[in-house]
PDB file of N, CA and C in Angstrom:
ATOM      1  N   MET A   1     -45.994  48.264  37.156  1.00  0.00           N
ATOM      2  CA  MET A   1     -46.074  47.124  36.258  1.00  0.00           C
ATOM      3  C   MET A   1     -45.132  46.059  36.783  1.00  0.00           C
ATOM      4  N   LYS A   2     -45.557  44.813  36.638  1.00  0.00           N
ATOM      5  CA  LYS A   2     -44.749  43.688  37.073  1.00  0.00           C
ATOM      6  C   LYS A   2     -44.717  42.655  35.959  1.00  0.00           C
ATOM      7  N   VAL A   3     -43.508  42.170  35.654  1.00  0.00           N
ATOM      8  CA  VAL A   3     -43.335  41.119  34.651  1.00  0.00           C
ATOM      9  C   VAL A   3     -42.588  39.966  35.311  1.00  0.00           C
ATOM     10  N   GLU A   4     -43.142  38.791  35.195  1.00  0.00           N
ATOM     11  CA  GLU A   4     -42.513  37.618  35.793  1.00  0.00           C
ATOM     12  C   GLU A   4     -42.447  36.509  34.753  1.00  0.00           C
ATOM     13  N   VAL A   5     -41.249  35.998  34.530  1.00  0.00           N
ATOM     14  CA  VAL A   5     -41.038  34.931  33.550  1.00  0.00           C
ATOM     15  C   VAL A   5     -40.474  33.731  34.270  1.00  0.00           C
ATOM     16  N   LYS A   6     -41.068  32.562  34.066  1.00  0.00           N
ATOM     17  CA  LYS A   6     -40.616  31.341  34.717  1.00  0.00           C
ATOM     18  C   LYS A   6     -40.336  30.257  33.682  1.00  0.00           C
ATOM     19  N   GLU A   7     -39.558  30.607  32.714  1.00  0.00           N
ATOM     20  CA  GLU A   7     -39.222  29.652  31.672  1.00  0.00           C
ATOM     21  C   GLU A   7     -37.844  29.068  31.954  1.00  0.00           C
ATOM     22  N   LYS A   8     -37.732  27.765  31.880  1.00  0.00           N
ATOM     23  CA  LYS A   8     -36.453  27.101  32.073  1.00  0.00           C
ATOM     24  C   LYS A   8     -36.053  26.435  30.772  1.00  0.00           C
ATOM     25  N   GLU A   9     -34.752  26.405  30.547  1.00  0.00           N
ATOM     26  CA  GLU A   9     -34.256  25.678  29.389  1.00  0.00           C
ATOM     27  C   GLU A   9     -34.367  24.194  29.704  1.00  0.00           C
ATOM     28  N   LYS A  10     -35.045  23.499  28.842  1.00  0.00           N
ATOM     29  CA  LYS A  10     -35.247  22.078  29.060  1.00  0.00           C
ATOM     30  C   LYS A  10     -33.997  21.325  28.602  1.00  0.00           C
ATOM     31  N   LYS A  11     -33.346  20.671  29.546  1.00  0.00           N
ATOM     32  CA  LYS A  11     -32.162  19.874  29.218  1.00  0.00           C
ATOM     33  C   LYS A  11     -32.624  18.502  28.776  1.00  0.00           C
ATOM     34  N   GLN A  12     -32.213  18.137  27.596  1.00  0.00           N
ATOM     35  CA  GLN A  12     -32.558  16.820  27.090  1.00  0.00           C
ATOM     36  C   GLN A  12     -31.455  15.841  27.450  1.00  0.00           C
ATOM     37  N   GLU A  13     -31.861  14.636  27.751  1.00  0.00           N
ATOM     38  CA  GLU A  13     -30.876  13.595  28.026  1.00  0.00           C
ATOM     39  C   GLU A  13     -30.169  13.256  26.717  1.00  0.00           C
ATOM     40  N   ILE A  14     -28.868  13.210  26.769  1.00  0.00           N
ATOM     41  CA  ILE A  14     -28.081  12.915  25.578  1.00  0.00           C
ATOM     42  C   ILE A  14     -27.934  11.404  25.449  1.00  0.00           C
ATOM     43  N   LYS A  15     -28.255  10.895  24.273  1.00  0.00           N
ATOM     44  CA  LYS A  15     -28.100   9.470  23.992  1.00  0.00           C
ATOM     45  C   LYS A  15     -26.879   9.303  23.100  1.00  0.00           C
ATOM     46  N   PHE A  16     -25.982   8.451  23.521  1.00  0.00           N
ATOM     47  CA  PHE A  16     -24.733   8.239  22.795  1.00  0.00           C
ATOM     48  C   PHE A  16     -24.839   7.018  21.902  1.00  0.00           C
ATOM     49  N   PRO A  17     -24.133   7.033  20.765  1.00  0.00           N
ATOM     50  CA  PRO A  17     -23.294   8.090  20.213  1.00  0.00           C
ATOM     51  C   PRO A  17     -24.148   9.237  19.676  1.00  0.00           C
ATOM     52  N   CYS A  18     -23.546  10.440  19.648  1.00  0.00           N
ATOM     53  CA  CYS A  18     -24.256  11.595  19.124  1.00  0.00           C
ATOM     54  C   CYS A  18     -23.277  12.604  18.533  1.00  0.00           C
ATOM     55  N   LEU A  19     -23.764  13.373  17.591  1.00  0.00           N
ATOM     56  CA  LEU A  19     -22.981  14.446  16.985  1.00  0.00           C
ATOM     57  C   LEU A  19     -23.338  15.744  17.680  1.00  0.00           C
ATOM     58  N   MET A  20     -22.294  16.529  18.008  1.00  0.00           N
ATOM     59  CA  MET A  20     -22.526  17.823  18.640  1.00  0.00           C
ATOM     60  C   MET A  20     -21.618  18.858  17.989  1.00  0.00           C
ATOM     61  N   ILE A  21     -22.086  20.108  18.008  1.00  0.00           N
ATOM     62  CA  ILE A  21     -21.361  21.193  17.356  1.00  0.00           C
ATOM     63  C   ILE A  21     -21.063  22.298  18.378  1.00  0.00           C
ATOM     64  N   SER A  22     -19.862  22.872  18.271  1.00  0.00           N
ATOM     65  CA  SER A  22     -19.476  23.961  19.177  1.00  0.00           C
ATOM     66  C   SER A  22     -19.901  25.296  18.581  1.00  0.00           C
ATOM     67  N   SER A  23     -19.753  26.351  19.355  1.00  0.00           N
ATOM     68  CA  SER A  23     -20.128  27.680  18.874  1.00  0.00           C
ATOM     69  C   SER A  23     -19.253  28.133  17.706  1.00  0.00           C
ATOM     70  N   CYS A  24     -18.036  27.596  17.586  1.00  0.00           N
ATOM     71  CA  CYS A  24     -17.162  27.972  16.472  1.00  0.00           C
ATOM     72  C   CYS A  24     -17.383  27.080  15.246  1.00  0.00           C
ATOM     73  N   GLY A  25     -18.252  26.063  15.371  1.00  0.00           N
ATOM     74  CA  GLY A  25     -18.586  25.218  14.231  1.00  0.00           C
ATOM     75  C   GLY A  25     -17.840  23.898  14.163  1.00  0.00           C
ATOM     76  N   SER A  26     -17.022  23.592  15.158  1.00  0.00           N
ATOM     77  CA  SER A  26     -16.346  22.297  15.185  1.00  0.00           C
ATOM     78  C   SER A  26     -17.347  21.225  15.576  1.00  0.00           C
ATOM     79  N   ILE A  27     -17.224  20.039  14.962  1.00  0.00           N
ATOM     80  CA  ILE A  27     -18.173  18.958  15.200  1.00  0.00           C
ATOM     81  C   ILE A  27     -17.440  17.760  15.786  1.00  0.00           C
ATOM     82  N   VAL A  28     -18.013  17.203  16.867  1.00  0.00           N
ATOM     83  CA  VAL A  28     -17.437  16.046  17.543  1.00  0.00           C
ATOM     84  C   VAL A  28     -18.470  14.928  17.569  1.00  0.00           C
ATOM     85  N   LEU A  29     -18.004  13.714  17.279  1.00  0.00           N
ATOM     86  CA  LEU A  29     -18.819  12.513  17.443  1.00  0.00           C
ATOM     87  C   LEU A  29     -18.544  12.006  18.857  1.00  0.00           C
ATOM     88  N   PHE A  30     -19.500  12.210  19.759  1.00  0.00           N
ATOM     89  CA  PHE A  30     -19.341  11.781  21.142  1.00  0.00           C
ATOM     90  C   PHE A  30     -19.784  10.329  21.288  1.00  0.00           C
ATOM     91  N   SER A  31     -18.930   9.522  21.927  1.00  0.00           N
ATOM     92  CA  SER A  31     -19.251   8.123  22.182  1.00  0.00           C
ATOM     93  C   SER A  31     -19.716   7.920  23.620  1.00  0.00           C
ATOM     94  N   GLU A  32     -19.283   8.781  24.517  1.00  0.00           N
ATOM     95  CA  GLU A  32     -19.658   8.776  25.929  1.00  0.00           C
ATOM     96  C   GLU A  32     -19.608  10.219  26.421  1.00  0.00           C
ATOM     97  N   GLN A  33     -19.996  10.436  27.655  1.00  0.00           N
ATOM     98  CA  GLN A  33     -19.920  11.764  28.266  1.00  0.00           C
ATOM     99  C   GLN A  33     -18.476  12.271  28.197  1.00  0.00           C
ATOM    100  N   ASN A  34     -18.277  13.445  27.605  1.00  0.00           N
ATOM    101  CA  ASN A  34     -16.968  14.110  27.486  1.00  0.00           C
ATOM    102  C   ASN A  34     -15.956  13.370  26.623  1.00  0.00           C
ATOM    103  N   GLU A  35     -16.354  12.336  25.933  1.00  0.00           N
ATOM    104  CA  GLU A  35     -15.435  11.475  25.184  1.00  0.00           C
ATOM    105  C   GLU A  35     -15.871  11.387  23.726  1.00  0.00           C
ATOM    106  N   GLY A  36     -14.963  11.799  22.817  1.00  0.00           N
ATOM    107  CA  GLY A  36     -15.350  11.755  21.423  1.00  0.00           C
ATOM    108  C   GLY A  36     -14.229  12.072  20.458  1.00  0.00           C
ATOM    109  N   THR A  37     -14.567  11.981  19.177  1.00  0.00           N
ATOM    110  CA  THR A  37     -13.620  12.167  18.083  1.00  0.00           C
ATOM    111  C   THR A  37     -14.043  13.370  17.254  1.00  0.00           C
ATOM    112  N   LEU A  38     -13.081  14.230  16.983  1.00  0.00           N
ATOM    113  CA  LEU A  38     -13.318  15.443  16.210  1.00  0.00           C
ATOM    114  C   LEU A  38     -13.495  15.094  14.730  1.00  0.00           C
ATOM    115  N   LEU A  39     -14.608  15.538  14.147  1.00  0.00           N
ATOM    116  CA  LEU A  39     -14.874  15.295  12.730  1.00  0.00           C
ATOM    117  C   LEU A  39     -14.625  16.524  11.877  1.00  0.00           C
ATOM    118  N   LEU A  40     -14.836  17.703  12.438  1.00  0.00           N
ATOM    119  CA  LEU A  40     -14.618  18.958  11.716  1.00  0.00           C
ATOM    120  C   LEU A  40     -13.991  19.948  12.677  1.00  0.00           C
ATOM    121  N   ASP A  41     -12.779  20.403  12.349  1.00  0.00           N
ATOM    122  CA  ASP A  41     -12.039  21.313  13.218  1.00  0.00           C
ATOM    123  C   ASP A  41     -12.004  22.698  12.590  1.00  0.00           C
ATOM    124  N   ASN A  42     -12.938  23.557  12.950  1.00  0.00           N
ATOM    125  CA  ASN A  42     -12.990  24.904  12.374  1.00  0.00           C
ATOM    126  C   ASN A  42     -11.930  25.838  12.939  1.00  0.00           C
ATOM    127  N   LYS A  43     -11.330  25.484  14.059  1.00  0.00           N
ATOM    128  CA  LYS A  43     -10.274  26.308  14.633  1.00  0.00           C
ATOM    129  C   LYS A  43      -8.906  25.943  14.064  1.00  0.00           C
ATOM    130  N   GLY A  44      -8.772  24.758  13.496  1.00  0.00           N
ATOM    131  CA  GLY A  44      -7.496  24.326  12.947  1.00  0.00           C
ATOM    132  C   GLY A  44      -6.460  23.992  14.004  1.00  0.00           C
ATOM    133  N   VAL A  45      -6.908  23.611  15.188  1.00  0.00           N
ATOM    134  CA  VAL A  45      -5.992  23.325  16.290  1.00  0.00           C
ATOM    135  C   VAL A  45      -5.592  21.854  16.330  1.00  0.00           C
ATOM    136  N   TYR A  46      -6.559  20.953  16.265  1.00  0.00           N
ATOM    137  CA  TYR A  46      -6.282  19.535  16.466  1.00  0.00           C
ATOM    138  C   TYR A  46      -6.274  18.719  15.180  1.00  0.00           C
ATOM    139  N   GLY A  47      -7.175  18.981  14.286  1.00  0.00           N
ATOM    140  CA  GLY A  47      -7.274  18.202  13.063  1.00  0.00           C
ATOM    141  C   GLY A  47      -8.302  17.086  13.174  1.00  0.00           C
ATOM    142  N   ILE A  48      -8.723  16.622  12.028  1.00  0.00           N
ATOM    143  CA  ILE A  48      -9.740  15.572  11.942  1.00  0.00           C
ATOM    144  C   ILE A  48      -9.234  14.302  12.612  1.00  0.00           C
ATOM    145  N   ALA A  49     -10.120  13.613  13.287  1.00  0.00           N
ATOM    146  CA  ALA A  49      -9.904  12.338  13.962  1.00  0.00           C
ATOM    147  C   ALA A  49      -9.169  12.482  15.295  1.00  0.00           C
ATOM    148  N   TYR A  50      -9.013  13.708  15.789  1.00  0.00           N
ATOM    149  CA  TYR A  50      -8.429  13.901  17.111  1.00  0.00           C
ATOM    150  C   TYR A  50      -9.408  13.365  18.153  1.00  0.00           C
ATOM    151  N   TYR A  51      -8.915  12.491  19.012  1.00  0.00           N
ATOM    152  CA  TYR A  51      -9.743  11.889  20.059  1.00  0.00           C
ATOM    153  C   TYR A  51      -9.384  12.509  21.407  1.00  0.00           C
ATOM    154  N   ASP A  52     -10.405  12.764  22.231  1.00  0.00           N
ATOM    155  CA  ASP A  52     -10.158  13.274  23.571  1.00  0.00           C
ATOM    156  C   ASP A  52     -11.225  12.720  24.507  1.00  0.00           C
ATOM    157  N   ASP A  53     -10.846  12.486  25.750  1.00  0.00           N
ATOM    158  CA  ASP A  53     -11.814  12.005  26.741  1.00  0.00           C
ATOM    159  C   ASP A  53     -12.115  13.079  27.787  1.00  0.00           C
ATOM    160  N   SER A  54     -11.792  14.335  27.418  1.00  0.00           N
ATOM    161  CA  SER A  54     -12.066  15.431  28.353  1.00  0.00           C
ATOM    162  C   SER A  54     -12.692  16.650  27.652  1.00  0.00           C
ATOM    163  N   TRP A  55     -13.538  16.403  26.647  1.00  0.00           N
ATOM    164  CA  TRP A  55     -14.267  17.495  26.013  1.00  0.00           C
ATOM    165  C   TRP A  55     -15.201  18.108  27.043  1.00  0.00           C
ATOM    166  N   ILE A  56     -15.400  19.403  26.973  1.00  0.00           N
ATOM    167  CA  ILE A  56     -16.348  20.082  27.866  1.00  0.00           C
ATOM    168  C   ILE A  56     -17.673  20.175  27.115  1.00  0.00           C
ATOM    169  N   MET A  57     -18.569  19.252  27.429  1.00  0.00           N
ATOM    170  CA  MET A  57     -19.807  19.133  26.660  1.00  0.00           C
ATOM    171  C   MET A  57     -20.730  20.333  26.787  1.00  0.00           C
ATOM    172  N   ASP A  58     -20.567  21.144  27.820  1.00  0.00           N
ATOM    173  CA  ASP A  58     -21.390  22.349  27.957  1.00  0.00           C
ATOM    174  C   ASP A  58     -21.107  23.355  26.848  1.00  0.00           C
ATOM    175  N   LYS A  59     -19.996  23.201  26.161  1.00  0.00           N
ATOM    176  CA  LYS A  59     -19.635  24.111  25.073  1.00  0.00           C
ATOM    177  C   LYS A  59     -20.185  23.639  23.727  1.00  0.00           C
ATOM    178  N   PHE A  60     -20.948  22.545  23.737  1.00  0.00           N
ATOM    179  CA  PHE A  60     -21.510  21.968  22.520  1.00  0.00           C
ATOM    180  C   PHE A  60     -23.025  21.905  22.624  1.00  0.00           C
ATOM    181  N   LYS A  61     -23.663  21.874  21.448  1.00  0.00           N
ATOM    182  CA  LYS A  61     -25.101  21.632  21.390  1.00  0.00           C
ATOM    183  C   LYS A  61     -25.324  20.538  20.349  1.00  0.00           C
ATOM    184  N   PRO A  62     -26.462  19.859  20.403  1.00  0.00           N
ATOM    185  CA  PRO A  62     -26.710  18.786  19.436  1.00  0.00           C
ATOM    186  C   PRO A  62     -26.642  19.292  17.995  1.00  0.00           C
ATOM    187  N   PHE A  63     -26.037  18.497  17.135  1.00  0.00           N
ATOM    188  CA  PHE A  63     -25.948  18.814  15.712  1.00  0.00           C
ATOM    189  C   PHE A  63     -27.075  18.089  14.999  1.00  0.00           C
ATOM    190  N   HIS A  64     -27.907  18.844  14.292  1.00  0.00           N
ATOM    191  CA  HIS A  64     -29.016  18.266  13.534  1.00  0.00           C
ATOM    192  C   HIS A  64     -28.737  18.537  12.061  1.00  0.00           C
ATOM    193  N   GLY A  65     -28.075  17.626  11.440  1.00  0.00           N
ATOM    194  CA  GLY A  65     -27.715  17.801  10.040  1.00  0.00           C
ATOM    195  C   GLY A  65     -27.171  16.503   9.496  1.00  0.00           C
ATOM    196  N   GLN A  66     -26.453  16.607   8.425  1.00  0.00           N
ATOM    197  CA  GLN A  66     -25.929  15.424   7.753  1.00  0.00           C
ATOM    198  C   GLN A  66     -24.416  15.601   7.545  1.00  0.00           C
ATOM    199  N   ILE A  67     -23.673  14.529   7.807  1.00  0.00           N
ATOM    200  CA  ILE A  67     -22.233  14.501   7.567  1.00  0.00           C
ATOM    201  C   ILE A  67     -21.943  13.296   6.691  1.00  0.00           C
ATOM    202  N   THR A  68     -21.145  13.509   5.670  1.00  0.00           N
ATOM    203  CA  THR A  68     -20.766  12.412   4.770  1.00  0.00           C
ATOM    204  C   THR A  68     -19.262  12.213   4.873  1.00  0.00           C
ATOM    205  N   LEU A  69     -18.848  10.982   5.148  1.00  0.00           N
ATOM    206  CA  LEU A  69     -17.431  10.639   5.200  1.00  0.00           C
ATOM    207  C   LEU A  69     -17.059   9.886   3.930  1.00  0.00           C
ATOM    208  N   SER A  70     -15.878  10.198   3.386  1.00  0.00           N
ATOM    209  CA  SER A  70     -15.428   9.490   2.177  1.00  0.00           C
ATOM    210  C   SER A  70     -13.914   9.455   2.157  1.00  0.00           C
ATOM    211  N   ASN A  71     -13.347   8.653   1.283  1.00  0.00           N
ATOM    212  CA  ASN A  71     -11.906   8.522   1.115  1.00  0.00           C
ATOM    213  C   ASN A  71     -11.418   9.259  -0.116  1.00  0.00           C
ATOM    214  N   ASP A  72     -11.990  10.399  -0.425  1.00  0.00           N
ATOM    215  CA  ASP A  72     -11.571  11.160  -1.602  1.00  0.00           C
ATOM    216  C   ASP A  72     -10.235  11.817  -1.387  1.00  0.00           C
TER     217      ASP A  72
END
């Protein structure tokens, strides 16, 4: 018996700005490649509004959901 699979993961071009989520659930608003502001920090390391220009985007996937910001 022979089984052959030729499926590739289709990489979509990322259009900025975009929201992306990490495997631990942290959410970053990316403004450019590897550059963005943390909106939700599930690890508790940096805190909300932490900005970095060296995020490793391979550790994130697109976030398809809704985020509401408020001054409560």
